Amino acid sequence: LRKDSLSSEERFTRAMDGYGSGGGGEMEQLQQSLNAVVLQLLQNQVRKTCFDKCFQNRFPDRMSKSDHICLAKCMDRMYEAHSIVVKASVEMAQNLASQE
């Protein structure tokens, strides 16, 4: 699959799956649980932030095309930003670990 054929959420989930994988089934299970919690927190924050940004205290009966576009772009930006932060954090942790 090409990168741009995946949704932001799918790209984020795939990126998270690669981080922290290591030995031991228990550790792997713990990492998967942690990834699930982080993803749930991220999804909740994205929903709240994007809903507030795109609807600003108005509650239409139906979503317009511009509402859909606003939500999609907002969610893409937030997932992409989070993915960049996660990648940078992992690289920083690896650099620190290699210095020891």
Foldseek 3Di string as FASTA:
>chain_A
DDPVVDALLVVLLVLQLPPPDDDDPVSNVVSVVVSVVVSVVLVVVLVVVQCCVLQVPHDDPDDDPVSVVSSRVSSNVSSVVVSVVVVVVRVVVVVVVVVD
